[in-house]
Amino acid sequence: ALKDQSAEVTRLTAELKERELQQAALVASVTQERDAAMAAVAEQQK
């Protein structure tokens, strides 16, 4: 039973790490958009 649980948790962790890579890439992309928008708004405010 312990071995089965360990295998299942290992599988789920691998899926989560794959999801983490995708979400980290999305956050990096959106961060660039956010920073660009904030800079543009600051210039427009000036």
ModelCIF file with pLDDT and N, C-alpha, C, O atoms, coordinates in Angstrom:
data_MODEL
#
_entry.id   MODEL 
#
_entity.id                         1 
_entity.type                       polymer 
_entity.pdbx_number_of_molecules   1 
#
_entity_poly.entity_id                      1 
_entity_poly.type                           'polypeptide(L)' 
_entity_poly.nstd_linkage                   no 
_entity_poly.nstd_monomer                   no 
_entity_poly.pdbx_seq_one_letter_code       ALKDQSAEVTRLTAELKERELQQAALVASVTQERDAAMAAVAEQQK 
_entity_poly.pdbx_seq_one_letter_code_can   ALKDQSAEVTRLTAELKERELQQAALVASVTQERDAAMAAVAEQQK 
_entity_poly.pdbx_strand_id                 A 
#
loop_
_entity_poly_seq.entity_id 
_entity_poly_seq.num 
_entity_poly_seq.mon_id 
_entity_poly_seq.hetero 
1 1  ALA n 
1 2  LEU n 
1 3  LYS n 
1 4  ASP n 
1 5  GLN n 
1 6  SER n 
1 7  ALA n 
1 8  GLU n 
1 9  VAL n 
1 10 THR n 
1 11 ARG n 
1 12 LEU n 
1 13 THR n 
1 14 ALA n 
1 15 GLU n 
1 16 LEU n 
1 17 LYS n 
1 18 GLU n 
1 19 ARG n 
1 20 GLU n 
1 21 LEU n 
1 22 GLN n 
1 23 GLN n 
1 24 ALA n 
1 25 ALA n 
1 26 LEU n 
1 27 VAL n 
1 28 ALA n 
1 29 SER n 
1 30 VAL n 
1 31 THR n 
1 32 GLN n 
1 33 GLU n 
1 34 ARG n 
1 35 ASP n 
1 36 ALA n 
1 37 ALA n 
1 38 MET n 
1 39 ALA n 
1 40 ALA n 
1 41 VAL n 
1 42 ALA n 
1 43 GLU n 
1 44 GLN n 
1 45 GLN n 
1 46 LYS n 
#
_struct_asym.id          A 
_struct_asym.entity_id   1 
#
loop_
_ma_qa_metric.id 
_ma_qa_metric.mode 
_ma_qa_metric.name 
_ma_qa_metric.software_group_id 
_ma_qa_metric.type 
1 global pLDDT . pLDDT 
2 local  pLDDT . pLDDT 
#
_ma_qa_metric_global.metric_id      1 
_ma_qa_metric_global.metric_value   84.41 
_ma_qa_metric_global.model_id       1 
_ma_qa_metric_global.ordinal_id     1 
#
loop_
_ma_qa_metric_local.label_asym_id 
_ma_qa_metric_local.label_comp_id 
_ma_qa_metric_local.label_seq_id 
_ma_qa_metric_local.metric_id 
_ma_qa_metric_local.metric_value 
_ma_qa_metric_local.model_id 
_ma_qa_metric_local.ordinal_id 
A ALA 1  2 72.00 1 1  
A LEU 2  2 70.00 1 2  
A LYS 3  2 74.00 1 3  
A ASP 4  2 77.00 1 4  
A GLN 5  2 76.00 1 5  
A SER 6  2 74.00 1 6  
A ALA 7  2 80.00 1 7  
A GLU 8  2 78.00 1 8  
A VAL 9  2 76.00 1 9  
A THR 10 2 81.00 1 10 
A ARG 11 2 83.00 1 11 
A LEU 12 2 81.00 1 12 
A THR 13 2 81.00 1 13 
A ALA 14 2 85.00 1 14 
A GLU 15 2 85.00 1 15 
A LEU 16 2 84.00 1 16 
A LYS 17 2 85.00 1 17 
A GLU 18 2 87.00 1 18 
A ARG 19 2 85.00 1 19 
A GLU 20 2 86.00 1 20 
A LEU 21 2 90.00 1 21 
A GLN 22 2 89.00 1 22 
A GLN 23 2 87.00 1 23 
A ALA 24 2 88.00 1 24 
A ALA 25 2 90.00 1 25 
A LEU 26 2 89.00 1 26 
A VAL 27 2 88.00 1 27 
A ALA 28 2 90.00 1 28 
A SER 29 2 89.00 1 29 
A VAL 30 2 86.00 1 30 
A THR 31 2 89.00 1 31 
A GLN 32 2 90.00 1 32 
A GLU 33 2 89.00 1 33 
A ARG 34 2 87.00 1 34 
A ASP 35 2 89.00 1 35 
A ALA 36 2 89.00 1 36 
A ALA 37 2 88.00 1 37 
A MET 38 2 88.00 1 38 
A ALA 39 2 89.00 1 39 
A ALA 40 2 89.00 1 40 
A VAL 41 2 86.00 1 41 
A ALA 42 2 87.00 1 42 
A GLU 43 2 87.00 1 43 
A GLN 44 2 84.00 1 44 
A GLN 45 2 82.00 1 45 
A LYS 46 2 84.00 1 46 
#
loop_
_atom_site.group_PDB 
_atom_site.id 
_atom_site.type_symbol 
_atom_site.label_atom_id 
_atom_site.label_alt_id 
_atom_site.label_comp_id 
_atom_site.label_asym_id 
_atom_site.label_entity_id 
_atom_site.label_seq_id 
_atom_site.pdbx_PDB_ins_code 
_atom_site.Cartn_x 
_atom_site.Cartn_y 
_atom_site.Cartn_z 
_atom_site.occupancy 
_atom_site.B_iso_or_equiv 
_atom_site.pdbx_formal_charge 
_atom_site.auth_seq_id 
_atom_site.auth_comp_id 
_atom_site.auth_asym_id 
_atom_site.auth_atom_id 
_atom_site.pdbx_PDB_model_num 
ATOM 1   N N  . ALA A 1 1  ? 0.830  -1.204 0.000   1.00 72.00 ? 1  ALA A N  1 
ATOM 2   C CA . ALA A 1 1  ? 0.000  0.000  0.000   1.00 72.00 ? 1  ALA A CA 1 
ATOM 3   C C  . ALA A 1 1  ? 0.868  1.260  0.000   1.00 72.00 ? 1  ALA A C  1 
ATOM 4   O O  . ALA A 1 1  ? 0.587  2.226  -0.708  1.00 72.00 ? 1  ALA A O  1 
ATOM 5   N N  . LEU A 1 2  ? 1.918  1.226  0.802   1.00 70.00 ? 2  LEU A N  1 
ATOM 6   C CA . LEU A 1 2  ? 2.820  2.388  0.858   1.00 70.00 ? 2  LEU A CA 1 
ATOM 7   C C  . LEU A 1 2  ? 3.500  2.631  -0.489  1.00 70.00 ? 2  LEU A C  1 
ATOM 8   O O  . LEU A 1 2  ? 3.651  3.772  -0.924  1.00 70.00 ? 2  LEU A O  1 
ATOM 9   N N  . LYS A 1 3  ? 3.904  1.547  -1.136  1.00 74.00 ? 3  LYS A N  1 
ATOM 10  C CA . LYS A 1 3  ? 4.535  1.689  -2.450  1.00 74.00 ? 3  LYS A CA 1 
ATOM 11  C C  . LYS A 1 3  ? 3.549  2.263  -3.468  1.00 74.00 ? 3  LYS A C  1 
ATOM 12  O O  . LYS A 1 3  ? 3.914  3.113  -4.279  1.00 74.00 ? 3  LYS A O  1 
ATOM 13  N N  . ASP A 1 4  ? 2.300  1.797  -3.422  1.00 77.00 ? 4  ASP A N  1 
ATOM 14  C CA . ASP A 1 4  ? 1.273  2.308  -4.343  1.00 77.00 ? 4  ASP A CA 1 
ATOM 15  C C  . ASP A 1 4  ? 1.029  3.802  -4.107  1.00 77.00 ? 4  ASP A C  1 
ATOM 16  O O  . ASP A 1 4  ? 0.937  4.583  -5.054  1.00 77.00 ? 4  ASP A O  1 
ATOM 17  N N  . GLN A 1 5  ? 0.926  4.185  -2.834  1.00 76.00 ? 5  GLN A N  1 
ATOM 18  C CA . GLN A 1 5  ? 0.728  5.603  -2.519  1.00 76.00 ? 5  GLN A CA 1 
ATOM 19  C C  . GLN A 1 5  ? 1.900  6.445  -2.999  1.00 76.00 ? 5  GLN A C  1 
ATOM 20  O O  . GLN A 1 5  ? 1.719  7.532  -3.547  1.00 76.00 ? 5  GLN A O  1 
ATOM 21  N N  . SER A 1 6  ? 3.094  5.928  -2.786  1.00 74.00 ? 6  SER A N  1 
ATOM 22  C CA . SER A 1 6  ? 4.289  6.653  -3.207  1.00 74.00 ? 6  SER A CA 1 
ATOM 23  C C  . SER A 1 6  ? 4.308  6.853  -4.717  1.00 74.00 ? 6  SER A C  1 
ATOM 24  O O  . SER A 1 6  ? 4.662  7.926  -5.205  1.00 74.00 ? 6  SER A O  1 
ATOM 25  N N  . ALA A 1 7  ? 3.924  5.804  -5.458  1.00 80.00 ? 7  ALA A N  1 
ATOM 26  C CA . ALA A 1 7  ? 3.892  5.912  -6.920  1.00 80.00 ? 7  ALA A CA 1 
ATOM 27  C C  . ALA A 1 7  ? 2.855  6.929  -7.377  1.00 80.00 ? 7  ALA A C  1 
ATOM 28  O O  . ALA A 1 7  ? 3.106  7.698  -8.304  1.00 80.00 ? 7  ALA A O  1 
ATOM 29  N N  . GLU A 1 8  ? 1.680  6.937  -6.726  1.00 78.00 ? 8  GLU A N  1 
ATOM 30  C CA . GLU A 1 8  ? 0.626  7.887  -7.099  1.00 78.00 ? 8  GLU A CA 1 
ATOM 31  C C  . GLU A 1 8  ? 1.035  9.315  -6.806  1.00 78.00 ? 8  GLU A C  1 
ATOM 32  O O  . GLU A 1 8  ? 0.819  10.207 -7.627  1.00 78.00 ? 8  GLU A O  1 
ATOM 33  N N  . VAL A 1 9  ? 1.625  9.542  -5.639  1.00 76.00 ? 9  VAL A N  1 
ATOM 34  C CA . VAL A 1 9  ? 2.073  10.895 -5.293  1.00 76.00 ? 9  VAL A CA 1 
ATOM 35  C C  . VAL A 1 9  ? 3.171  11.349 -6.239  1.00 76.00 ? 9  VAL A C  1 
ATOM 36  O O  . VAL A 1 9  ? 3.210  12.514 -6.635  1.00 76.00 ? 9  VAL A O  1 
ATOM 37  N N  . THR A 1 10 ? 4.064  10.434 -6.604  1.00 81.00 ? 10 THR A N  1 
ATOM 38  C CA . THR A 1 10 ? 5.131  10.778 -7.560  1.00 81.00 ? 10 THR A CA 1 
ATOM 39  C C  . THR A 1 10 ? 4.542  11.184 -8.906  1.00 81.00 ? 10 THR A C  1 
ATOM 40  O O  . THR A 1 10 ? 4.993  12.148 -9.524  1.00 81.00 ? 10 THR A O  1 
ATOM 41  N N  . ARG A 1 11 ? 3.520  10.433 -9.360  1.00 83.00 ? 11 ARG A N  1 
ATOM 42  C CA . ARG A 1 11 ? 2.863  10.766 -10.635 1.00 83.00 ? 11 ARG A CA 1 
ATOM 43  C C  . ARG A 1 11 ? 2.192  12.140 -10.576 1.00 83.00 ? 11 ARG A C  1 
ATOM 44  O O  . ARG A 1 11 ? 2.346  12.950 -11.490 1.00 83.00 ? 11 ARG A O  1 
ATOM 45  N N  . LEU A 1 12 ? 1.451  12.396 -9.502  1.00 81.00 ? 12 LEU A N  1 
ATOM 46  C CA . LEU A 1 12 ? 0.770  13.686 -9.356  1.00 81.00 ? 12 LEU A CA 1 
ATOM 47  C C  . LEU A 1 12 ? 1.776  14.830 -9.286  1.00 81.00 ? 12 LEU A C  1 
ATOM 48  O O  . LEU A 1 12 ? 1.544  15.899 -9.849  1.00 81.00 ? 12 LEU A O  1 
ATOM 49  N N  . THR A 1 13 ? 2.888  14.607 -8.599  1.00 81.00 ? 13 THR A N  1 
ATOM 50  C CA . THR A 1 13 ? 3.902  15.653 -8.483  1.00 81.00 ? 13 THR A CA 1 
ATOM 51  C C  . THR A 1 13 ? 4.507  15.977 -9.847  1.00 81.00 ? 13 THR A C  1 
ATOM 52  O O  . THR A 1 13 ? 4.781  17.137 -10.151 1.00 81.00 ? 13 THR A O  1 
ATOM 53  N N  . ALA A 1 14 ? 4.711  14.956 -10.655 1.00 85.00 ? 14 ALA A N  1 
ATOM 54  C CA . ALA A 1 14 ? 5.242  15.190 -12.006 1.00 85.00 ? 14 ALA A CA 1 
ATOM 55  C C  . ALA A 1 14 ? 4.270  16.029 -12.828 1.00 85.00 ? 14 ALA A C  1 
ATOM 56  O O  . ALA A 1 14 ? 4.678  16.945 -13.541 1.00 85.00 ? 14 ALA A O  1 
ATOM 57  N N  . GLU A 1 15 ? 2.981  15.710 -12.723 1.00 85.00 ? 15 GLU A N  1 
ATOM 58  C CA . GLU A 1 15 ? 1.975  16.507 -13.439 1.00 85.00 ? 15 GLU A CA 1 
ATOM 59  C C  . GLU A 1 15 ? 1.961  17.946 -12.936 1.00 85.00 ? 15 GLU A C  1 
ATOM 60  O O  . GLU A 1 15 ? 1.856  18.883 -13.727 1.00 85.00 ? 15 GLU A O  1 
ATOM 61  N N  . LEU A 1 16 ? 2.068  18.119 -11.619 1.00 84.00 ? 16 LEU A N  1 
ATOM 62  C CA . LEU A 1 16 ? 2.074  19.470 -11.051 1.00 84.00 ? 16 LEU A CA 1 
ATOM 63  C C  . LEU A 1 16 ? 3.286  20.264 -11.514 1.00 84.00 ? 16 LEU A C  1 
ATOM 64  O O  . LEU A 1 16 ? 3.185  21.460 -11.785 1.00 84.00 ? 16 LEU A O  1 
ATOM 65  N N  . LYS A 1 17 ? 4.435  19.593 -11.606 1.00 85.00 ? 17 LYS A N  1 
ATOM 66  C CA . LYS A 1 17 ? 5.646  20.299 -12.049 1.00 85.00 ? 17 LYS A CA 1 
ATOM 67  C C  . LYS A 1 17 ? 5.529  20.718 -13.509 1.00 85.00 ? 17 LYS A C  1 
ATOM 68  O O  . LYS A 1 17 ? 6.029  21.773 -13.898 1.00 85.00 ? 17 LYS A O  1 
ATOM 69  N N  . GLU A 1 18 ? 4.866  19.889 -14.320 1.00 87.00 ? 18 GLU A N  1 
ATOM 70  C CA . GLU A 1 18 ? 4.616  20.269 -15.714 1.00 87.00 ? 18 GLU A CA 1 
ATOM 71  C C  . GLU A 1 18 ? 3.678  21.471 -15.771 1.00 87.00 ? 18 GLU A C  1 
ATOM 72  O O  . GLU A 1 18 ? 3.887  22.406 -16.544 1.00 87.00 ? 18 GLU A O  1 
ATOM 73  N N  . ARG A 1 19 ? 2.639  21.425 -14.936 1.00 85.00 ? 19 ARG A N  1 
ATOM 74  C CA . ARG A 1 19 ? 1.730  22.569 -14.872 1.00 85.00 ? 19 ARG A CA 1 
ATOM 75  C C  . ARG A 1 19 ? 2.451  23.813 -14.368 1.00 85.00 ? 19 ARG A C  1 
ATOM 76  O O  . ARG A 1 19 ? 2.189  24.918 -14.843 1.00 85.00 ? 19 ARG A O  1 
ATOM 77  N N  . GLU A 1 20 ? 3.347  23.642 -13.421 1.00 86.00 ? 20 GLU A N  1 
ATOM 78  C CA . GLU A 1 20 ? 4.104  24.773 -12.877 1.00 86.00 ? 20 GLU A CA 1 
ATOM 79  C C  . GLU A 1 20 ? 4.917  25.463 -13.965 1.00 86.00 ? 20 GLU A C  1 
ATOM 80  O O  . GLU A 1 20 ? 4.970  26.691 -14.019 1.00 86.00 ? 20 GLU A O  1 
ATOM 81  N N  . LEU A 1 21 ? 5.552  24.671 -14.836 1.00 90.00 ? 21 LEU A N  1 
ATOM 82  C CA . LEU A 1 21 ? 6.342  25.247 -15.929 1.00 90.00 ? 21 LEU A CA 1 
ATOM 83  C C  . LEU A 1 21 ? 5.460  26.084 -16.859 1.00 90.00 ? 21 LEU A C  1 
ATOM 84  O O  . LEU A 1 21 ? 5.843  27.179 -17.272 1.00 90.00 ? 21 LEU A O  1 
ATOM 85  N N  . GLN A 1 22 ? 4.277  25.557 -17.184 1.00 89.00 ? 22 GLN A N  1 
ATOM 86  C CA . GLN A 1 22 ? 3.367  26.284 -18.066 1.00 89.00 ? 22 GLN A CA 1 
ATOM 87  C C  . GLN A 1 22 ? 2.870  27.571 -17.402 1.00 89.00 ? 22 GLN A C  1 
ATOM 88  O O  . GLN A 1 22 ? 2.822  28.626 -18.034 1.00 89.00 ? 22 GLN A O  1 
ATOM 89  N N  . GLN A 1 23 ? 2.503  27.471 -16.131 1.00 87.00 ? 23 GLN A N  1 
ATOM 90  C CA . GLN A 1 23 ? 1.985  28.645 -15.431 1.00 87.00 ? 23 GLN A CA 1 
ATOM 91  C C  . GLN A 1 23 ? 3.083  29.693 -15.216 1.00 87.00 ? 23 GLN A C  1 
ATOM 92  O O  . GLN A 1 23 ? 2.817  30.893 -15.289 1.00 87.00 ? 23 GLN A O  1 
ATOM 93  N N  . ALA A 1 24 ? 4.302  29.249 -14.955 1.00 88.00 ? 24 ALA A N  1 
ATOM 94  C CA . ALA A 1 24 ? 5.410  30.187 -14.781 1.00 88.00 ? 24 ALA A CA 1 
ATOM 95  C C  . ALA A 1 24 ? 5.675  30.942 -16.082 1.00 88.00 ? 24 ALA A C  1 
ATOM 96  O O  . ALA A 1 24 ? 5.963  32.139 -16.062 1.00 88.00 ? 24 ALA A O  1 
ATOM 97  N N  . ALA A 1 25 ? 5.575  30.236 -17.217 1.00 90.00 ? 25 ALA A N  1 
ATOM 98  C CA . ALA A 1 25 ? 5.753  30.899 -18.515 1.00 90.00 ? 25 ALA A CA 1 
ATOM 99  C C  . ALA A 1 25 ? 4.664  31.934 -18.752 1.00 90.00 ? 25 ALA A C  1 
ATOM 100 O O  . ALA A 1 25 ? 4.931  33.026 -19.256 1.00 90.00 ? 25 ALA A O  1 
ATOM 101 N N  . LEU A 1 26 ? 3.414  31.579 -18.379 1.00 89.00 ? 26 LEU A N  1 
ATOM 102 C CA . LEU A 1 26 ? 2.302  32.523 -18.531 1.00 89.00 ? 26 LEU A CA 1 
ATOM 103 C C  . LEU A 1 26 ? 2.504  33.750 -17.647 1.00 89.00 ? 26 LEU A C  1 
ATOM 104 O O  . LEU A 1 26 ? 2.295  34.878 -18.093 1.00 89.00 ? 26 LEU A O  1 
ATOM 105 N N  . VAL A 1 27 ? 2.906  33.535 -16.408 1.00 88.00 ? 27 VAL A N  1 
ATOM 106 C CA . VAL A 1 27 ? 3.133  34.655 -15.493 1.00 88.00 ? 27 VAL A CA 1 
ATOM 107 C C  . VAL A 1 27 ? 4.243  35.569 -16.023 1.00 88.00 ? 27 VAL A C  1 
ATOM 108 O O  . VAL A 1 27 ? 4.134  36.793 -15.943 1.00 88.00 ? 27 VAL A O  1 
ATOM 109 N N  . ALA A 1 28 ? 5.306  34.974 -16.563 1.00 90.00 ? 28 ALA A N  1 
ATOM 110 C CA . ALA A 1 28 ? 6.397  35.776 -17.114 1.00 90.00 ? 28 ALA A CA 1 
ATOM 111 C C  . ALA A 1 28 ? 5.911  36.636 -18.273 1.00 90.00 ? 28 ALA A C  1 
ATOM 112 O O  . ALA A 1 28 ? 6.285  37.803 -18.390 1.00 90.00 ? 28 ALA A O  1 
ATOM 113 N N  . SER A 1 29 ? 5.069  36.048 -19.134 1.00 89.00 ? 29 SER A N  1 
ATOM 114 C CA . SER A 1 29 ? 4.530  36.794 -20.273 1.00 89.00 ? 29 SER A CA 1 
ATOM 115 C C  . SER A 1 29 ? 3.624  37.933 -19.807 1.00 89.00 ? 29 SER A C  1 
ATOM 116 O O  . SER A 1 29 ? 3.741  39.068 -20.269 1.00 89.00 ? 29 SER A O  1 
ATOM 117 N N  . VAL A 1 30 ? 2.721  37.607 -18.883 1.00 86.00 ? 30 VAL A N  1 
ATOM 118 C CA . VAL A 1 30 ? 1.794  38.630 -18.379 1.00 86.00 ? 30 VAL A CA 1 
ATOM 119 C C  . VAL A 1 30 ? 2.550  39.710 -17.605 1.00 86.00 ? 30 VAL A C  1 
ATOM 120 O O  . VAL A 1 30 ? 2.154  40.875 -17.626 1.00 86.00 ? 30 VAL A O  1 
ATOM 121 N N  . THR A 1 31 ? 3.623  39.339 -16.929 1.00 89.00 ? 31 THR A N  1 
ATOM 122 C CA . THR A 1 31 ? 4.426  40.321 -16.200 1.00 89.00 ? 31 THR A CA 1 
ATOM 123 C C  . THR A 1 31 ? 5.002  41.354 -17.157 1.00 89.00 ? 31 THR A C  1 
ATOM 124 O O  . THR A 1 31 ? 5.013  42.548 -16.861 1.00 89.00 ? 31 THR A O  1 
ATOM 125 N N  . GLN A 1 32 ? 5.482  40.885 -18.306 1.00 90.00 ? 32 GLN A N  1 
ATOM 126 C CA . GLN A 1 32 ? 6.010  41.815 -19.315 1.00 90.00 ? 32 GLN A CA 1 
ATOM 127 C C  . GLN A 1 32 ? 4.908  42.755 -19.806 1.00 90.00 ? 32 GLN A C  1 
ATOM 128 O O  . GLN A 1 32 ? 5.128  43.957 -19.955 1.00 90.00 ? 32 GLN A O  1 
ATOM 129 N N  . GLU A 1 33 ? 3.725  42.196 -20.055 1.00 89.00 ? 33 GLU A N  1 
ATOM 130 C CA . GLU A 1 33 ? 2.601  43.030 -20.491 1.00 89.00 ? 33 GLU A CA 1 
ATOM 131 C C  . GLU A 1 33 ? 2.232  44.042 -19.406 1.00 89.00 ? 33 GLU A C  1 
ATOM 132 O O  . GLU A 1 33 ? 1.973  45.210 -19.697 1.00 89.00 ? 33 GLU A O  1 
ATOM 133 N N  . ARG A 1 34 ? 2.210  43.582 -18.158 1.00 87.00 ? 34 ARG A N  1 
ATOM 134 C CA . ARG A 1 34 ? 1.880  44.475 -17.046 1.00 87.00 ? 34 ARG A CA 1 
ATOM 135 C C  . ARG A 1 34 ? 2.883  45.611 -16.929 1.00 87.00 ? 34 ARG A C  1 
ATOM 136 O O  . ARG A 1 34 ? 2.500  46.773 -16.793 1.00 87.00 ? 34 ARG A O  1 
ATOM 137 N N  . ASP A 1 35 ? 4.174  45.274 -16.981 1.00 89.00 ? 35 ASP A N  1 
ATOM 138 C CA . ASP A 1 35 ? 5.219  46.290 -16.847 1.00 89.00 ? 35 ASP A CA 1 
ATOM 139 C C  . ASP A 1 35 ? 5.161  47.299 -17.994 1.00 89.00 ? 35 ASP A C  1 
ATOM 140 O O  . ASP A 1 35 ? 5.338  48.500 -17.788 1.00 89.00 ? 35 ASP A O  1 
ATOM 141 N N  . ALA A 1 36 ? 4.910  46.795 -19.205 1.00 89.00 ? 36 ALA A N  1 
ATOM 142 C CA . ALA A 1 36 ? 4.810  47.694 -20.365 1.00 89.00 ? 36 ALA A CA 1 
ATOM 143 C C  . ALA A 1 36 ? 3.605  48.617 -20.225 1.00 89.00 ? 36 ALA A C  1 
ATOM 144 O O  . ALA A 1 36 ? 3.691  49.809 -20.520 1.00 89.00 ? 36 ALA A O  1 
ATOM 145 N N  . ALA A 1 37 ? 2.477  48.062 -19.771 1.00 88.00 ? 37 ALA A N  1 
ATOM 146 C CA . ALA A 1 37 ? 1.267  48.873 -19.592 1.00 88.00 ? 37 ALA A CA 1 
ATOM 147 C C  . ALA A 1 37 ? 1.461  49.909 -18.493 1.00 88.00 ? 37 ALA A C  1 
ATOM 148 O O  . ALA A 1 37 ? 1.031  51.054 -18.637 1.00 88.00 ? 37 ALA A O  1 
ATOM 149 N N  . MET A 1 38 ? 2.107  49.516 -17.394 1.00 88.00 ? 38 MET A N  1 
ATOM 150 C CA . MET A 1 38 ? 2.359  50.455 -16.305 1.00 88.00 ? 38 MET A CA 1 
ATOM 151 C C  . MET A 1 38 ? 3.274  51.590 -16.759 1.00 88.00 ? 38 MET A C  1 
ATOM 152 O O  . MET A 1 38 ? 3.064  52.748 -16.398 1.00 88.00 ? 38 MET A O  1 
ATOM 153 N N  . ALA A 1 39 ? 4.293  51.251 -17.553 1.00 89.00 ? 39 ALA A N  1 
ATOM 154 C CA . ALA A 1 39 ? 5.205  52.289 -18.062 1.00 89.00 ? 39 ALA A CA 1 
ATOM 155 C C  . ALA A 1 39 ? 4.468  53.245 -19.002 1.00 89.00 ? 39 ALA A C  1 
ATOM 156 O O  . ALA A 1 39 ? 4.678  54.457 -18.960 1.00 89.00 ? 39 ALA A O  1 
ATOM 157 N N  . ALA A 1 40 ? 3.597  52.680 -19.856 1.00 89.00 ? 40 ALA A N  1 
ATOM 158 C CA . ALA A 1 40 ? 2.836  53.527 -20.792 1.00 89.00 ? 40 ALA A CA 1 
ATOM 159 C C  . ALA A 1 40 ? 1.878  54.443 -20.041 1.00 89.00 ? 40 ALA A C  1 
ATOM 160 O O  . ALA A 1 40 ? 1.743  55.616 -20.388 1.00 89.00 ? 40 ALA A O  1 
ATOM 161 N N  . VAL A 1 41 ? 1.213  53.917 -19.016 1.00 86.00 ? 41 VAL A N  1 
ATOM 162 C CA . VAL A 1 41 ? 0.303  54.742 -18.213 1.00 86.00 ? 41 VAL A CA 1 
ATOM 163 C C  . VAL A 1 41 ? 1.064  55.846 -17.499 1.00 86.00 ? 41 VAL A C  1 
ATOM 164 O O  . VAL A 1 41 ? 0.585  56.977 -17.415 1.00 86.00 ? 41 VAL A O  1 
ATOM 165 N N  . ALA A 1 42 ? 2.255  55.527 -16.979 1.00 87.00 ? 42 ALA A N  1 
ATOM 166 C CA . ALA A 1 42 ? 3.066  56.540 -16.299 1.00 87.00 ? 42 ALA A CA 1 
ATOM 167 C C  . ALA A 1 42 ? 3.458  57.666 -17.254 1.00 87.00 ? 42 ALA A C  1 
ATOM 168 O O  . ALA A 1 42 ? 3.410  58.842 -16.893 1.00 87.00 ? 42 ALA A O  1 
ATOM 169 N N  . GLU A 1 43 ? 3.847  57.295 -18.472 1.00 87.00 ? 43 GLU A N  1 
ATOM 170 C CA . GLU A 1 43 ? 4.207  58.313 -19.472 1.00 87.00 ? 43 GLU A CA 1 
ATOM 171 C C  . GLU A 1 43 ? 2.996  59.164 -19.835 1.00 87.00 ? 43 GLU A C  1 
ATOM 172 O O  . GLU A 1 43 ? 3.101  60.383 -19.971 1.00 87.00 ? 43 GLU A O  1 
ATOM 173 N N  . GLN A 1 44 ? 1.838  58.506 -19.991 1.00 84.00 ? 44 GLN A N  1 
ATOM 174 C CA . GLN A 1 44 ? 0.625  59.255 -20.331 1.00 84.00 ? 44 GLN A CA 1 
ATOM 175 C C  . GLN A 1 44 ? 0.242  60.187 -19.192 1.00 84.00 ? 44 GLN A C  1 
ATOM 176 O O  . GLN A 1 44 ? -0.210 61.306 -19.435 1.00 84.00 ? 44 GLN A O  1 
ATOM 177 N N  . GLN A 1 45 ? 0.417  59.742 -17.956 1.00 82.00 ? 45 GLN A N  1 
ATOM 178 C CA . GLN A 1 45 ? 0.127  60.594 -16.802 1.00 82.00 ? 45 GLN A CA 1 
ATOM 179 C C  . GLN A 1 45 ? 1.018  61.836 -16.802 1.00 82.00 ? 45 GLN A C  1 
ATOM 180 O O  . GLN A 1 45 ? 0.557  62.938 -16.505 1.00 82.00 ? 45 GLN A O  1 
ATOM 181 N N  . LYS A 1 46 ? 2.298  61.652 -17.137 1.00 84.00 ? 46 LYS A N  1 
ATOM 182 C CA . LYS A 1 46 ? 3.212  62.790 -17.230 1.00 84.00 ? 46 LYS A CA 1 
ATOM 183 C C  . LYS A 1 46 ? 2.737  63.768 -18.309 1.00 84.00 ? 46 LYS A C  1 
ATOM 184 O O  . LYS A 1 46 ? 3.378  64.793 -18.538 1.00 84.00 ? 46 LYS A O  1 
#
